[in-house]
C-alpha atoms as a PDB file:
ATOM      1  CA  UNK A   1      -0.143   0.260   0.237  1.00  0.00           C
ATOM      2  CA  UNK A   2       1.412   3.317  -0.578  1.00  0.00           C
ATOM      3  CA  UNK A   3       2.091   6.163   1.504  1.00  0.00           C
ATOM      4  CA  UNK A   4       0.532   8.553  -0.562  1.00  0.00           C
ATOM      5  CA  UNK A   5      -3.193   8.654  -2.478  1.00  0.00           C
ATOM      6  CA  UNK A   6      -3.471   7.982  -6.028  1.00  0.00           C
ATOM      7  CA  UNK A   7      -5.017  10.183  -8.220  1.00  0.00           C
ATOM      8  CA  UNK A   8      -8.477   8.969  -9.615  1.00  0.00           C
ATOM      9  CA  UNK A   9     -10.129   8.928 -12.638  1.00  0.00           C
ATOM     10  CA  UNK A  10     -12.874  11.189 -12.116  1.00  0.00           C
ATOM     11  CA  UNK A  11     -10.591  14.361 -10.786  1.00  0.00           C
ATOM     12  CA  UNK A  12      -7.789  13.332 -13.227  1.00  0.00           C
ATOM     13  CA  UNK A  13      -6.390  16.111 -16.531  1.00  0.00           C
ATOM     14  CA  UNK A  14      -7.263  14.681 -19.887  1.00  0.00           C
ATOM     15  CA  UNK A  15      -3.898  13.358 -20.183  1.00  0.00           C
ATOM     16  CA  UNK A  16      -3.946  11.116 -17.350  1.00  0.00           C
ATOM     17  CA  UNK A  17      -7.432   9.763 -18.276  1.00  0.00           C
ATOM     18  CA  UNK A  18      -5.980   8.602 -21.610  1.00  0.00           C
ATOM     19  CA  UNK A  19      -3.201   7.432 -19.630  1.00  0.00           C
ATOM     20  CA  UNK A  20      -5.481   5.269 -17.681  1.00  0.00           C
ATOM     21  CA  UNK A  21      -7.746   4.249 -20.375  1.00  0.00           C
ATOM     22  CA  UNK A  22      -4.728   2.751 -22.302  1.00  0.00           C
ATOM     23  CA  UNK A  23      -3.066   1.179 -19.011  1.00  0.00           C
ATOM     24  CA  UNK A  24      -6.541  -0.654 -18.201  1.00  0.00           C
ATOM     25  CA  UNK A  25      -6.376  -1.930 -21.404  1.00  0.00           C
ATOM     26  CA  UNK A  26      -2.931  -3.196 -21.121  1.00  0.00           C
ATOM     27  CA  UNK A  27      -3.802  -4.851 -17.898  1.00  0.00           C
ATOM     28  CA  UNK A  28      -6.328  -6.147 -18.855  1.00  0.00           C
ATOM     29  CA  UNK A  29      -4.442  -7.842 -22.113  1.00  0.00           C
ATOM     30  CA  UNK A  30      -1.570  -9.167 -19.596  1.00  0.00           C
ATOM     31  CA  UNK A  31      -3.689 -10.022 -16.186  1.00  0.00           C
ATOM     32  CA  UNK A  32      -7.476 -10.260 -17.210  1.00  0.00           C
ATOM     33  CA  UNK A  33      -8.395  -7.470 -14.707  1.00  0.00           C
ATOM     34  CA  UNK A  34      -9.858  -4.178 -15.700  1.00  0.00           C
ATOM     35  CA  UNK A  35      -8.491  -1.609 -13.568  1.00  0.00           C
ATOM     36  CA  UNK A  36      -5.825   1.013 -12.837  1.00  0.00           C
ATOM     37  CA  UNK A  37      -3.151  -0.063 -11.257  1.00  0.00           C
ATOM     38  CA  UNK A  38      -1.250   2.006  -8.210  1.00  0.00           C
ATOM     39  CA  UNK A  39       1.151   2.604  -9.841  1.00  0.00           C
ATOM     40  CA  UNK A  40       0.247   4.809 -12.646  1.00  0.00           C
ATOM     41  CA  UNK A  41      -2.507   6.272  -9.988  1.00  0.00           C
ATOM     42  CA  UNK A  42       0.811   7.496  -8.029  1.00  0.00           C
ATOM     43  CA  UNK A  43       2.466   8.565 -10.851  1.00  0.00           C
ATOM     44  CA  UNK A  44      -0.300  10.492 -12.023  1.00  0.00           C
ATOM     45  CA  UNK A  45       0.619  13.304  -9.958  1.00  0.00           C
ATOM     46  CA  UNK A  46       2.987  14.297 -12.487  1.00  0.00           C
ATOM     47  CA  UNK A  47       1.687  13.958 -15.771  1.00  0.00           C
ATOM     48  CA  UNK A  48       5.520  14.618 -17.307  1.00  0.00           C
ATOM     49  CA  UNK A  49       7.144  11.501 -15.421  1.00  0.00           C
ATOM     50  CA  UNK A  50       3.644   9.244 -16.311  1.00  0.00           C
ATOM     51  CA  UNK A  51       4.126  10.161 -19.809  1.00  0.00           C
ATOM     52  CA  UNK A  52       7.930   9.614 -19.592  1.00  0.00           C
ATOM     53  CA  UNK A  53       7.613   6.307 -17.745  1.00  0.00           C
ATOM     54  CA  UNK A  54       4.600   5.459 -20.579  1.00  0.00           C
ATOM     55  CA  UNK A  55       7.478   5.673 -22.909  1.00  0.00           C
ATOM     56  CA  UNK A  56       9.533   3.316 -21.163  1.00  0.00           C
ATOM     57  CA  UNK A  57       7.133   1.007 -20.869  1.00  0.00           C
ATOM     58  CA  UNK A  58       6.244   0.896 -24.753  1.00  0.00           C
ATOM     59  CA  UNK A  59      10.089   0.932 -25.430  1.00  0.00           C
ATOM     60  CA  UNK A  60      10.102  -2.452 -23.411  1.00  0.00           C
ATOM     61  CA  UNK A  61       7.121  -4.087 -25.035  1.00  0.00           C
ATOM     62  CA  UNK A  62       8.519  -3.506 -28.381  1.00  0.00           C
ATOM     63  CA  UNK A  63      12.073  -4.726 -27.687  1.00  0.00           C
ATOM     64  CA  UNK A  64      12.603  -7.857 -29.707  1.00  0.00           C
ATOM     65  CA  UNK A  65      15.993  -9.351 -27.668  1.00  0.00           C
ATOM     66  CA  UNK A  66      13.888 -11.610 -25.698  1.00  0.00           C
ATOM     67  CA  UNK A  67      10.775 -13.383 -26.144  1.00  0.00           C
ATOM     68  CA  UNK A  68       7.793 -11.751 -24.408  1.00  0.00           C
ATOM     69  CA  UNK A  69       6.673 -14.654 -22.829  1.00  0.00           C
ATOM     70  CA  UNK A  70      10.171 -15.161 -21.378  1.00  0.00           C
ATOM     71  CA  UNK A  71      10.291 -11.544 -20.204  1.00  0.00           C
ATOM     72  CA  UNK A  72       6.831 -11.629 -18.445  1.00  0.00           C
ATOM     73  CA  UNK A  73       8.038 -14.672 -16.843  1.00  0.00           C
ATOM     74  CA  UNK A  74      11.096 -13.158 -14.954  1.00  0.00           C
ATOM     75  CA  UNK A  75       9.014 -10.458 -14.596  1.00  0.00           C
ATOM     76  CA  UNK A  76       6.359 -12.245 -12.783  1.00  0.00           C
ATOM     77  CA  UNK A  77       9.359 -13.931 -10.953  1.00  0.00           C
ATOM     78  CA  UNK A  78      11.265 -10.902  -9.722  1.00  0.00           C
ATOM     79  CA  UNK A  79       7.910  -9.200  -8.293  1.00  0.00           C
ATOM     80  CA  UNK A  80       7.253 -12.515  -6.258  1.00  0.00           C
ATOM     81  CA  UNK A  81      10.866 -12.421  -5.047  1.00  0.00           C
ATOM     82  CA  UNK A  82      10.748  -9.053  -3.850  1.00  0.00           C
ATOM     83  CA  UNK A  83       7.216  -8.953  -2.602  1.00  0.00           C
ATOM     84  CA  UNK A  84       5.684  -6.466  -5.247  1.00  0.00           C
ATOM     85  CA  UNK A  85       2.001  -6.962  -5.667  1.00  0.00           C
ATOM     86  CA  UNK A  86       1.986  -5.833  -9.331  1.00  0.00           C
END
């Protein structure tokens, strides 16, 4: 649980709402859940940082150096090791 409260979709600026829409779509595709994950809500306090983080995530998704399935398996394993709920 985060120490600060995330930005909810209702009170978010237009750029943040668009990012939430994309984030929900990706979360639904990868995890089967239709929700905005807490890290995105926390990043929304600084839309420019959120946008830069989104570009980083997009670049990682397009990367072909490691197969997608193996990359997601590694991400899940690391999250389990460090105790990350996402």
